[in-house]
C-alpha atoms as a PDB file:
ATOM      1  CA  UNK A   1      -0.012  -0.027  -0.038  1.00  0.00           C
ATOM      2  CA  UNK A   2       1.258   3.498  -0.793  1.00  0.00           C
ATOM      3  CA  UNK A   3       1.626   6.075   1.988  1.00  0.00           C
ATOM      4  CA  UNK A   4      -1.670   7.525   3.201  1.00  0.00           C
ATOM      5  CA  UNK A   5      -2.610  10.530   1.037  1.00  0.00           C
ATOM      6  CA  UNK A   6      -2.971  12.845   4.070  1.00  0.00           C
ATOM      7  CA  UNK A   7       0.483  11.850   5.324  1.00  0.00           C
ATOM      8  CA  UNK A   8       1.896  12.375   1.815  1.00  0.00           C
ATOM      9  CA  UNK A   9       0.373  15.851   1.722  1.00  0.00           C
ATOM     10  CA  UNK A  10       2.166  16.758   5.003  1.00  0.00           C
ATOM     11  CA  UNK A  11       5.474  15.221   3.911  1.00  0.00           C
ATOM     12  CA  UNK A  12       5.425  17.295   0.723  1.00  0.00           C
ATOM     13  CA  UNK A  13       5.276  20.412   2.847  1.00  0.00           C
ATOM     14  CA  UNK A  14       8.371  19.579   4.916  1.00  0.00           C
ATOM     15  CA  UNK A  15      11.584  21.137   3.658  1.00  0.00           C
ATOM     16  CA  UNK A  16      14.338  18.716   2.702  1.00  0.00           C
ATOM     17  CA  UNK A  17      17.306  18.508   5.244  1.00  0.00           C
ATOM     18  CA  UNK A  18      19.987  21.051   4.420  1.00  0.00           C
ATOM     19  CA  UNK A  19      22.831  19.222   6.150  1.00  0.00           C
ATOM     20  CA  UNK A  20      23.050  21.734   8.974  1.00  0.00           C
ATOM     21  CA  UNK A  21      24.083  20.352  12.452  1.00  0.00           C
ATOM     22  CA  UNK A  22      21.165  19.391  14.629  1.00  0.00           C
ATOM     23  CA  UNK A  23      20.243  22.014  17.203  1.00  0.00           C
ATOM     24  CA  UNK A  24      18.332  20.382  20.083  1.00  0.00           C
ATOM     25  CA  UNK A  25      17.257  23.706  21.675  1.00  0.00           C
ATOM     26  CA  UNK A  26      15.849  25.130  18.437  1.00  0.00           C
ATOM     27  CA  UNK A  27      14.097  21.837  17.563  1.00  0.00           C
ATOM     28  CA  UNK A  28      12.460  21.644  21.019  1.00  0.00           C
ATOM     29  CA  UNK A  29      11.326  25.246  20.637  1.00  0.00           C
ATOM     30  CA  UNK A  30       9.769  24.398  17.326  1.00  0.00           C
ATOM     31  CA  UNK A  31       8.007  21.395  18.856  1.00  0.00           C
ATOM     32  CA  UNK A  32       6.615  23.517  21.677  1.00  0.00           C
ATOM     33  CA  UNK A  33       5.189  25.977  19.261  1.00  0.00           C
ATOM     34  CA  UNK A  34       3.057  23.243  17.736  1.00  0.00           C
ATOM     35  CA  UNK A  35       1.355  22.147  21.008  1.00  0.00           C
ATOM     36  CA  UNK A  36      -2.405  22.713  20.673  1.00  0.00           C
ATOM     37  CA  UNK A  37      -4.216  24.890  23.196  1.00  0.00           C
ATOM     38  CA  UNK A  38      -5.788  23.202  26.239  1.00  0.00           C
ATOM     39  CA  UNK A  39      -9.273  23.726  24.902  1.00  0.00           C
ATOM     40  CA  UNK A  40      -8.513  21.673  21.792  1.00  0.00           C
ATOM     41  CA  UNK A  41      -7.387  18.618  23.750  1.00  0.00           C
ATOM     42  CA  UNK A  42      -9.449  15.513  24.695  1.00  0.00           C
ATOM     43  CA  UNK A  43     -11.240  16.243  27.925  1.00  0.00           C
ATOM     44  CA  UNK A  44     -10.719  13.835  30.811  1.00  0.00           C
ATOM     45  CA  UNK A  45     -11.945  13.649  34.411  1.00  0.00           C
ATOM     46  CA  UNK A  46      -8.621  15.019  35.772  1.00  0.00           C
ATOM     47  CA  UNK A  47      -5.143  15.882  34.591  1.00  0.00           C
ATOM     48  CA  UNK A  48      -2.426  16.611  37.293  1.00  0.00           C
ATOM     49  CA  UNK A  49       1.210  17.497  37.192  1.00  0.00           C
ATOM     50  CA  UNK A  50       3.305  16.195  40.042  1.00  0.00           C
ATOM     51  CA  UNK A  51       6.736  14.959  40.956  1.00  0.00           C
ATOM     52  CA  UNK A  52       7.709  11.314  41.325  1.00  0.00           C
ATOM     53  CA  UNK A  53      10.430  10.747  43.946  1.00  0.00           C
ATOM     54  CA  UNK A  54      12.508   7.860  42.560  1.00  0.00           C
ATOM     55  CA  UNK A  55      15.910   6.248  43.051  1.00  0.00           C
ATOM     56  CA  UNK A  56      16.920   8.253  39.940  1.00  0.00           C
ATOM     57  CA  UNK A  57      15.848  11.500  41.493  1.00  0.00           C
ATOM     58  CA  UNK A  58      12.767  13.780  41.170  1.00  0.00           C
ATOM     59  CA  UNK A  59      11.009  13.091  37.909  1.00  0.00           C
ATOM     60  CA  UNK A  60       8.164  15.270  36.607  1.00  0.00           C
ATOM     61  CA  UNK A  61       5.088  13.274  35.663  1.00  0.00           C
ATOM     62  CA  UNK A  62       1.538  14.088  34.420  1.00  0.00           C
ATOM     63  CA  UNK A  63      -1.282  11.908  35.601  1.00  0.00           C
ATOM     64  CA  UNK A  64      -4.361  11.430  33.445  1.00  0.00           C
ATOM     65  CA  UNK A  65      -7.575  10.081  35.054  1.00  0.00           C
ATOM     66  CA  UNK A  66     -10.080   9.189  32.362  1.00  0.00           C
ATOM     67  CA  UNK A  67     -13.242   8.978  34.476  1.00  0.00           C
ATOM     68  CA  UNK A  68     -14.243   9.140  38.154  1.00  0.00           C
ATOM     69  CA  UNK A  69     -13.937   5.599  39.534  1.00  0.00           C
ATOM     70  CA  UNK A  70     -12.894   3.707  42.610  1.00  0.00           C
ATOM     71  CA  UNK A  71      -9.868   2.002  41.033  1.00  0.00           C
ATOM     72  CA  UNK A  72      -7.873   1.950  37.840  1.00  0.00           C
ATOM     73  CA  UNK A  73      -5.328  -0.081  35.878  1.00  0.00           C
ATOM     74  CA  UNK A  74      -2.114   1.944  35.377  1.00  0.00           C
ATOM     75  CA  UNK A  75      -0.112   2.816  32.195  1.00  0.00           C
ATOM     76  CA  UNK A  76       3.323   4.391  32.517  1.00  0.00           C
ATOM     77  CA  UNK A  77       3.765   6.203  29.201  1.00  0.00           C
ATOM     78  CA  UNK A  78       7.175   7.105  27.798  1.00  0.00           C
ATOM     79  CA  UNK A  79       7.101   9.668  24.964  1.00  0.00           C
ATOM     80  CA  UNK A  80       9.158   9.441  21.802  1.00  0.00           C
ATOM     81  CA  UNK A  81      11.570  11.970  20.284  1.00  0.00           C
ATOM     82  CA  UNK A  82      14.877  10.255  19.463  1.00  0.00           C
ATOM     83  CA  UNK A  83      15.899  10.592  23.163  1.00  0.00           C
ATOM     84  CA  UNK A  84      16.420  14.321  22.810  1.00  0.00           C
ATOM     85  CA  UNK A  85      13.018  15.694  21.788  1.00  0.00           C
ATOM     86  CA  UNK A  86       9.502  15.363  23.053  1.00  0.00           C
ATOM     87  CA  UNK A  87       7.971  16.381  26.419  1.00  0.00           C
ATOM     88  CA  UNK A  88       4.885  15.994  28.570  1.00  0.00           C
ATOM     89  CA  UNK A  89       3.292  18.719  26.448  1.00  0.00           C
ATOM     90  CA  UNK A  90       4.169  17.564  22.946  1.00  0.00           C
ATOM     91  CA  UNK A  91       2.776  14.097  23.669  1.00  0.00           C
ATOM     92  CA  UNK A  92      -0.087  15.167  25.906  1.00  0.00           C
ATOM     93  CA  UNK A  93      -2.613  14.103  23.215  1.00  0.00           C
ATOM     94  CA  UNK A  94      -1.127  10.587  23.063  1.00  0.00           C
ATOM     95  CA  UNK A  95      -1.440  10.163  26.837  1.00  0.00           C
ATOM     96  CA  UNK A  96      -5.024  11.534  26.751  1.00  0.00           C
ATOM     97  CA  UNK A  97      -6.009   9.136  24.026  1.00  0.00           C
ATOM     98  CA  UNK A  98      -4.498   6.148  25.815  1.00  0.00           C
ATOM     99  CA  UNK A  99      -6.403   7.058  28.950  1.00  0.00           C
ATOM    100  CA  UNK A 100      -9.687   7.615  27.136  1.00  0.00           C
ATOM    101  CA  UNK A 101      -9.568   4.414  25.067  1.00  0.00           C
ATOM    102  CA  UNK A 102      -8.262   2.100  27.823  1.00  0.00           C
ATOM    103  CA  UNK A 103     -10.144   3.496  30.866  1.00  0.00           C
ATOM    104  CA  UNK A 104      -6.812   3.306  32.691  1.00  0.00           C
ATOM    105  CA  UNK A 105      -4.945   6.045  34.540  1.00  0.00           C
ATOM    106  CA  UNK A 106      -1.899   7.126  32.515  1.00  0.00           C
ATOM    107  CA  UNK A 107       1.243   8.414  34.114  1.00  0.00           C
ATOM    108  CA  UNK A 108       3.312  10.283  31.448  1.00  0.00           C
ATOM    109  CA  UNK A 109       7.013  10.585  32.349  1.00  0.00           C
ATOM    110  CA  UNK A 110       8.984  13.770  31.823  1.00  0.00           C
ATOM    111  CA  UNK A 111      12.349  11.969  31.764  1.00  0.00           C
ATOM    112  CA  UNK A 112      15.670  13.685  31.270  1.00  0.00           C
ATOM    113  CA  UNK A 113      16.671  14.285  27.669  1.00  0.00           C
ATOM    114  CA  UNK A 114      19.991  13.872  25.783  1.00  0.00           C
ATOM    115  CA  UNK A 115      22.410  15.521  25.107  1.00  0.00           C
ATOM    116  CA  UNK A 116      22.227  17.190  28.514  1.00  0.00           C
ATOM    117  CA  UNK A 117      21.472  13.753  30.030  1.00  0.00           C
ATOM    118  CA  UNK A 118      22.730  10.931  27.842  1.00  0.00           C
ATOM    119  CA  UNK A 119      22.308   7.207  28.489  1.00  0.00           C
ATOM    120  CA  UNK A 120      21.215   5.907  31.007  1.00  0.00           C
ATOM    121  CA  UNK A 121      19.587   8.973  32.543  1.00  0.00           C
ATOM    122  CA  UNK A 122      16.271   8.965  30.747  1.00  0.00           C
ATOM    123  CA  UNK A 123      16.026   5.164  31.107  1.00  0.00           C
ATOM    124  CA  UNK A 124      16.721   5.391  34.872  1.00  0.00           C
ATOM    125  CA  UNK A 125      13.996   8.038  35.229  1.00  0.00           C
ATOM    126  CA  UNK A 126      11.529   5.838  33.346  1.00  0.00           C
ATOM    127  CA  UNK A 127      12.167   2.717  35.425  1.00  0.00           C
ATOM    128  CA  UNK A 128      12.166   4.757  38.562  1.00  0.00           C
ATOM    129  CA  UNK A 129       8.617   6.092  37.780  1.00  0.00           C
ATOM    130  CA  UNK A 130       7.374   2.526  37.090  1.00  0.00           C
ATOM    131  CA  UNK A 131       8.588   1.480  40.585  1.00  0.00           C
ATOM    132  CA  UNK A 132       7.150   4.723  42.027  1.00  0.00           C
ATOM    133  CA  UNK A 133       3.757   4.008  40.490  1.00  0.00           C
ATOM    134  CA  UNK A 134       3.586   0.580  42.118  1.00  0.00           C
ATOM    135  CA  UNK A 135       4.680   2.006  45.463  1.00  0.00           C
ATOM    136  CA  UNK A 136       2.130   4.739  45.242  1.00  0.00           C
ATOM    137  CA  UNK A 137      -0.711   2.365  44.250  1.00  0.00           C
ATOM    138  CA  UNK A 138      -3.022   3.244  46.999  1.00  0.00           C
ATOM    139  CA  UNK A 139      -2.789   6.957  46.352  1.00  0.00           C
ATOM    140  CA  UNK A 140      -3.211   6.354  42.571  1.00  0.00           C
ATOM    141  CA  UNK A 141      -6.222   4.072  43.209  1.00  0.00           C
ATOM    142  CA  UNK A 142      -4.411   1.292  41.406  1.00  0.00           C
ATOM    143  CA  UNK A 143      -6.506  -1.789  41.198  1.00  0.00           C
ATOM    144  CA  UNK A 144      -3.451  -3.977  41.885  1.00  0.00           C
ATOM    145  CA  UNK A 145      -3.858  -5.647  38.535  1.00  0.00           C
ATOM    146  CA  UNK A 146      -2.771  -3.984  35.286  1.00  0.00           C
ATOM    147  CA  UNK A 147       0.537  -2.105  35.362  1.00  0.00           C
ATOM    148  CA  UNK A 148       1.496  -1.478  31.767  1.00  0.00           C
ATOM    149  CA  UNK A 149       4.494   0.290  30.239  1.00  0.00           C
ATOM    150  CA  UNK A 150       3.921   2.011  26.880  1.00  0.00           C
ATOM    151  CA  UNK A 151       6.126   4.036  24.583  1.00  0.00           C
ATOM    152  CA  UNK A 152       6.444   5.289  21.053  1.00  0.00           C
ATOM    153  CA  UNK A 153       9.736   5.287  19.053  1.00  0.00           C
ATOM    154  CA  UNK A 154      12.564   6.026  21.550  1.00  0.00           C
ATOM    155  CA  UNK A 155       9.925   5.720  24.255  1.00  0.00           C
ATOM    156  CA  UNK A 156       9.310   2.246  23.003  1.00  0.00           C
ATOM    157  CA  UNK A 157      13.043   1.553  23.463  1.00  0.00           C
ATOM    158  CA  UNK A 158      12.673   2.676  27.102  1.00  0.00           C
ATOM    159  CA  UNK A 159       9.529   0.584  27.620  1.00  0.00           C
ATOM    160  CA  UNK A 160      11.245  -2.594  26.327  1.00  0.00           C
ATOM    161  CA  UNK A 161      14.340  -1.862  28.393  1.00  0.00           C
ATOM    162  CA  UNK A 162      12.353  -1.173  31.519  1.00  0.00           C
ATOM    163  CA  UNK A 163      10.576  -4.559  31.366  1.00  0.00           C
ATOM    164  CA  UNK A 164      13.981  -6.294  31.257  1.00  0.00           C
ATOM    165  CA  UNK A 165      15.298  -4.131  34.158  1.00  0.00           C
ATOM    166  CA  UNK A 166      12.257  -5.139  36.215  1.00  0.00           C
ATOM    167  CA  UNK A 167      12.772  -8.790  35.445  1.00  0.00           C
ATOM    168  CA  UNK A 168      16.447  -8.564  36.515  1.00  0.00           C
ATOM    169  CA  UNK A 169      15.385  -6.821  39.719  1.00  0.00           C
ATOM    170  CA  UNK A 170      12.819  -9.420  40.534  1.00  0.00           C
ATOM    171  CA  UNK A 171      10.010  -6.874  40.165  1.00  0.00           C
ATOM    172  CA  UNK A 172       7.057  -8.733  38.664  1.00  0.00           C
ATOM    173  CA  UNK A 173       4.545  -5.895  38.751  1.00  0.00           C
ATOM    174  CA  UNK A 174       4.605  -5.046  35.078  1.00  0.00           C
ATOM    175  CA  UNK A 175       1.813  -6.926  33.340  1.00  0.00           C
ATOM    176  CA  UNK A 176       1.843  -5.583  29.784  1.00  0.00           C
ATOM    177  CA  UNK A 177       4.141  -3.669  27.350  1.00  0.00           C
ATOM    178  CA  UNK A 178       2.890  -1.584  24.415  1.00  0.00           C
ATOM    179  CA  UNK A 179       5.457  -0.534  21.868  1.00  0.00           C
ATOM    180  CA  UNK A 180       4.497   1.890  19.064  1.00  0.00           C
ATOM    181  CA  UNK A 181       6.960   1.737  16.172  1.00  0.00           C
ATOM    182  CA  UNK A 182       9.786   1.156  18.707  1.00  0.00           C
ATOM    183  CA  UNK A 183      13.510   1.946  18.188  1.00  0.00           C
ATOM    184  CA  UNK A 184      15.108  -1.223  19.449  1.00  0.00           C
ATOM    185  CA  UNK A 185      18.432  -1.515  17.677  1.00  0.00           C
ATOM    186  CA  UNK A 186      20.752   1.504  17.813  1.00  0.00           C
ATOM    187  CA  UNK A 187      23.340  -0.301  15.619  1.00  0.00           C
ATOM    188  CA  UNK A 188      22.277   1.407  12.431  1.00  0.00           C
ATOM    189  CA  UNK A 189      23.591  -1.030   9.904  1.00  0.00           C
ATOM    190  CA  UNK A 190      21.446  -0.320   6.825  1.00  0.00           C
ATOM    191  CA  UNK A 191      21.924  -3.982   5.709  1.00  0.00           C
ATOM    192  CA  UNK A 192      20.524  -5.398   8.939  1.00  0.00           C
ATOM    193  CA  UNK A 193      16.876  -4.732   8.057  1.00  0.00           C
ATOM    194  CA  UNK A 194      15.156  -4.515   4.675  1.00  0.00           C
ATOM    195  CA  UNK A 195      12.972  -1.658   5.969  1.00  0.00           C
ATOM    196  CA  UNK A 196      16.085   0.455   6.462  1.00  0.00           C
ATOM    197  CA  UNK A 197      16.540   0.303   2.677  1.00  0.00           C
ATOM    198  CA  UNK A 198      12.925   0.179   1.500  1.00  0.00           C
ATOM    199  CA  UNK A 199      11.897   3.274   3.565  1.00  0.00           C
ATOM    200  CA  UNK A 200      15.237   5.036   3.511  1.00  0.00           C
ATOM    201  CA  UNK A 201      14.008   8.287   2.146  1.00  0.00           C
ATOM    202  CA  UNK A 202      10.755  10.219   1.608  1.00  0.00           C
ATOM    203  CA  UNK A 203       8.697   9.037   4.578  1.00  0.00           C
ATOM    204  CA  UNK A 204       9.559  11.590   7.313  1.00  0.00           C
ATOM    205  CA  UNK A 205      12.101   9.622   9.325  1.00  0.00           C
ATOM    206  CA  UNK A 206      15.011   8.805   7.047  1.00  0.00           C
ATOM    207  CA  UNK A 207      17.585   6.054   7.534  1.00  0.00           C
ATOM    208  CA  UNK A 208      20.472   8.550   7.064  1.00  0.00           C
ATOM    209  CA  UNK A 209      19.080  10.600   9.976  1.00  0.00           C
ATOM    210  CA  UNK A 210      18.984   7.817  12.539  1.00  0.00           C
ATOM    211  CA  UNK A 211      22.639   7.861  13.550  1.00  0.00           C
ATOM    212  CA  UNK A 212      22.977  11.664  14.063  1.00  0.00           C
ATOM    213  CA  UNK A 213      19.599  11.798  15.842  1.00  0.00           C
ATOM    214  CA  UNK A 214      20.541   9.086  18.349  1.00  0.00           C
ATOM    215  CA  UNK A 215      24.180  10.250  18.680  1.00  0.00           C
ATOM    216  CA  UNK A 216      23.075  12.584  21.451  1.00  0.00           C
ATOM    217  CA  UNK A 217      21.875   9.627  23.572  1.00  0.00           C
ATOM    218  CA  UNK A 218      25.071   7.599  22.933  1.00  0.00           C
ATOM    219  CA  UNK A 219      27.602  10.501  23.229  1.00  0.00           C
ATOM    220  CA  UNK A 220      28.883   9.354  26.640  1.00  0.00           C
ATOM    221  CA  UNK A 221      30.224   6.180  24.990  1.00  0.00           C
ATOM    222  CA  UNK A 222      27.196   3.964  25.450  1.00  0.00           C
ATOM    223  CA  UNK A 223      27.561   0.750  23.497  1.00  0.00           C
ATOM    224  CA  UNK A 224      24.737  -0.061  20.944  1.00  0.00           C
ATOM    225  CA  UNK A 225      25.433  -3.762  21.716  1.00  0.00           C
ATOM    226  CA  UNK A 226      24.250  -3.275  25.341  1.00  0.00           C
ATOM    227  CA  UNK A 227      20.713  -4.702  25.629  1.00  0.00           C
ATOM    228  CA  UNK A 228      19.734  -1.677  27.743  1.00  0.00           C
ATOM    229  CA  UNK A 229      20.686   0.548  24.772  1.00  0.00           C
ATOM    230  CA  UNK A 230      19.340  -1.848  22.094  1.00  0.00           C
ATOM    231  CA  UNK A 231      16.711  -4.122  23.643  1.00  0.00           C
ATOM    232  CA  UNK A 232      16.677  -6.392  20.628  1.00  0.00           C
ATOM    233  CA  UNK A 233      20.241  -7.449  21.577  1.00  0.00           C
ATOM    234  CA  UNK A 234      19.046  -9.139  24.735  1.00  0.00           C
ATOM    235  CA  UNK A 235      19.659 -12.865  24.401  1.00  0.00           C
ATOM    236  CA  UNK A 236      17.051 -14.190  26.837  1.00  0.00           C
ATOM    237  CA  UNK A 237      13.570 -12.557  26.398  1.00  0.00           C
ATOM    238  CA  UNK A 238      11.701 -15.127  28.417  1.00  0.00           C
ATOM    239  CA  UNK A 239       9.591 -14.026  31.378  1.00  0.00           C
ATOM    240  CA  UNK A 240       8.885 -10.577  29.962  1.00  0.00           C
ATOM    241  CA  UNK A 241       5.348  -9.194  30.082  1.00  0.00           C
ATOM    242  CA  UNK A 242       2.874  -9.772  27.265  1.00  0.00           C
ATOM    243  CA  UNK A 243       3.383  -7.370  24.407  1.00  0.00           C
ATOM    244  CA  UNK A 244       1.561  -5.394  21.769  1.00  0.00           C
ATOM    245  CA  UNK A 245       3.833  -4.061  19.035  1.00  0.00           C
ATOM    246  CA  UNK A 246       2.389  -1.649  16.436  1.00  0.00           C
ATOM    247  CA  UNK A 247       4.604  -0.955  13.449  1.00  0.00           C
ATOM    248  CA  UNK A 248       4.249   1.319  10.398  1.00  0.00           C
ATOM    249  CA  UNK A 249       4.574   0.046   6.815  1.00  0.00           C
ATOM    250  CA  UNK A 250       6.653   2.980   5.638  1.00  0.00           C
ATOM    251  CA  UNK A 251       9.123   3.194   8.598  1.00  0.00           C
ATOM    252  CA  UNK A 252      12.889   2.362   8.565  1.00  0.00           C
ATOM    253  CA  UNK A 253      12.404   0.887  12.053  1.00  0.00           C
ATOM    254  CA  UNK A 254       9.516  -1.415  10.972  1.00  0.00           C
ATOM    255  CA  UNK A 255      11.510  -4.663  10.724  1.00  0.00           C
ATOM    256  CA  UNK A 256      13.274  -4.381  14.046  1.00  0.00           C
ATOM    257  CA  UNK A 257      10.033  -3.965  15.821  1.00  0.00           C
ATOM    258  CA  UNK A 258       8.497  -6.960  14.039  1.00  0.00           C
ATOM    259  CA  UNK A 259      11.583  -9.075  14.675  1.00  0.00           C
ATOM    260  CA  UNK A 260      11.416  -8.246  18.353  1.00  0.00           C
ATOM    261  CA  UNK A 261       7.866  -9.425  18.430  1.00  0.00           C
ATOM    262  CA  UNK A 262       8.877 -12.673  16.744  1.00  0.00           C
ATOM    263  CA  UNK A 263      11.697 -13.208  19.180  1.00  0.00           C
ATOM    264  CA  UNK A 264       9.309 -12.546  22.124  1.00  0.00           C
ATOM    265  CA  UNK A 265       6.981 -15.253  20.793  1.00  0.00           C
ATOM    266  CA  UNK A 266       9.918 -17.707  20.339  1.00  0.00           C
ATOM    267  CA  UNK A 267      10.786 -16.987  24.000  1.00  0.00           C
ATOM    268  CA  UNK A 268       7.313 -17.953  25.132  1.00  0.00           C
ATOM    269  CA  UNK A 269       6.020 -14.460  25.573  1.00  0.00           C
ATOM    270  CA  UNK A 270       2.447 -13.661  24.439  1.00  0.00           C
ATOM    271  CA  UNK A 271       3.133 -11.049  21.772  1.00  0.00           C
ATOM    272  CA  UNK A 272       0.946  -9.493  19.118  1.00  0.00           C
ATOM    273  CA  UNK A 273       2.448  -7.618  16.221  1.00  0.00           C
ATOM    274  CA  UNK A 274       0.354  -5.464  13.933  1.00  0.00           C
ATOM    275  CA  UNK A 275       1.651  -3.482  11.006  1.00  0.00           C
ATOM    276  CA  UNK A 276      -0.428  -0.405  10.083  1.00  0.00           C
ATOM    277  CA  UNK A 277      -0.653  -0.140   6.292  1.00  0.00           C
ATOM    278  CA  UNK A 278      -0.058   3.249   4.733  1.00  0.00           C
ATOM    279  CA  UNK A 279       1.500   4.621   7.918  1.00  0.00           C
ATOM    280  CA  UNK A 280       4.901   6.107   8.581  1.00  0.00           C
ATOM    281  CA  UNK A 281       7.039   6.443  11.654  1.00  0.00           C
ATOM    282  CA  UNK A 282       5.292   8.599  14.270  1.00  0.00           C
ATOM    283  CA  UNK A 283       1.775   7.983  13.001  1.00  0.00           C
ATOM    284  CA  UNK A 284       0.373   7.554  16.481  1.00  0.00           C
ATOM    285  CA  UNK A 285       1.822  10.920  17.665  1.00  0.00           C
ATOM    286  CA  UNK A 286       1.463  12.871  14.417  1.00  0.00           C
ATOM    287  CA  UNK A 287      -1.511  11.440  12.538  1.00  0.00           C
ATOM    288  CA  UNK A 288      -3.930  10.136  15.139  1.00  0.00           C
ATOM    289  CA  UNK A 289      -6.475  12.580  13.882  1.00  0.00           C
ATOM    290  CA  UNK A 290      -6.956  10.124  11.017  1.00  0.00           C
ATOM    291  CA  UNK A 291      -9.544   7.540  12.145  1.00  0.00           C
ATOM    292  CA  UNK A 292      -7.669   4.573  10.745  1.00  0.00           C
ATOM    293  CA  UNK A 293      -4.631   5.579  12.891  1.00  0.00           C
ATOM    294  CA  UNK A 294      -6.501   6.667  16.006  1.00  0.00           C
ATOM    295  CA  UNK A 295      -7.637   3.019  15.979  1.00  0.00           C
ATOM    296  CA  UNK A 296      -4.208   2.294  17.522  1.00  0.00           C
ATOM    297  CA  UNK A 297      -5.346   3.627  20.845  1.00  0.00           C
ATOM    298  CA  UNK A 298      -8.438   1.424  20.783  1.00  0.00           C
ATOM    299  CA  UNK A 299      -6.295  -1.551  19.951  1.00  0.00           C
ATOM    300  CA  UNK A 300      -4.045  -0.728  22.922  1.00  0.00           C
ATOM    301  CA  UNK A 301      -7.140  -0.431  25.163  1.00  0.00           C
ATOM    302  CA  UNK A 302      -8.544  -3.797  23.902  1.00  0.00           C
ATOM    303  CA  UNK A 303      -5.137  -5.416  24.561  1.00  0.00           C
ATOM    304  CA  UNK A 304      -5.118  -4.108  28.122  1.00  0.00           C
ATOM    305  CA  UNK A 305      -8.664  -4.955  28.842  1.00  0.00           C
ATOM    306  CA  UNK A 306      -8.553  -8.430  27.263  1.00  0.00           C
ATOM    307  CA  UNK A 307     -11.289  -7.631  24.692  1.00  0.00           C
ATOM    308  CA  UNK A 308     -11.293  -8.421  20.951  1.00  0.00           C
ATOM    309  CA  UNK A 309      -9.779  -5.656  18.900  1.00  0.00           C
ATOM    310  CA  UNK A 310     -11.738  -3.903  16.247  1.00  0.00           C
ATOM    311  CA  UNK A 311      -8.786  -3.618  13.972  1.00  0.00           C
ATOM    312  CA  UNK A 312      -9.162  -5.157  10.469  1.00  0.00           C
ATOM    313  CA  UNK A 313      -7.664  -8.517   9.918  1.00  0.00           C
END
């Protein structure tokens, strides 16, 4: 299937890269300018900013309560942005949609960003908030059941790594992982995955841009072969939480996400992989206003609630 026509229209309006060095501060400012006003966002019962006190330090979080209820399942959400972009504000709509469609309380994590805080700072913040959420279960009205970790792109990297950290620590509280077009292999060998070549140019995220984007996260000498950097490198994936992995047809990262799902299944993990036709990298964050892509949130809700998905076969 060709790229969705509405996505193609947007892609045509984006200037081609001019080879200038990346400027994180300027790029973050550009993102912030695109955040919609509060009145245009999905209304929920409550949205609260607070601080999570974790072993990694004080981490800003935003808590989304979909409806007034006595108890909730919890989702810890980790935003994307190549480890150096994204914020609680830029991905506010993603967290709201997850809360609305799942009925779960969502805790969005304002983890530290590279290059100011390279590996493993953001990952440590993310794992710390998961442990904090479990510890604060009574205050959060956690039902003691579902505790999911979800993330898109680099946030999907963190979500996958967090589940492994939890297993190694003997923390069994995480019940589900949801990975939207995850970045799982930071060894950017273009011959490793066919999607790196098939979707190299023209679809928003370009293969040539992966290495410079993620260099900020790796600049302290982190090794892409480390499974906490590249979760797909982990040899033993057994015992990890059940997984939902949503990939995009026109995404350089498509094949690594799908391979990770296959390896989870081979390790005995209940894993569902669904490729969204006509989509590109970032479709959940950037194009959820299109009904066929907003469906990803309903699919995530169905996965968490154990109900049949309405997605097409």
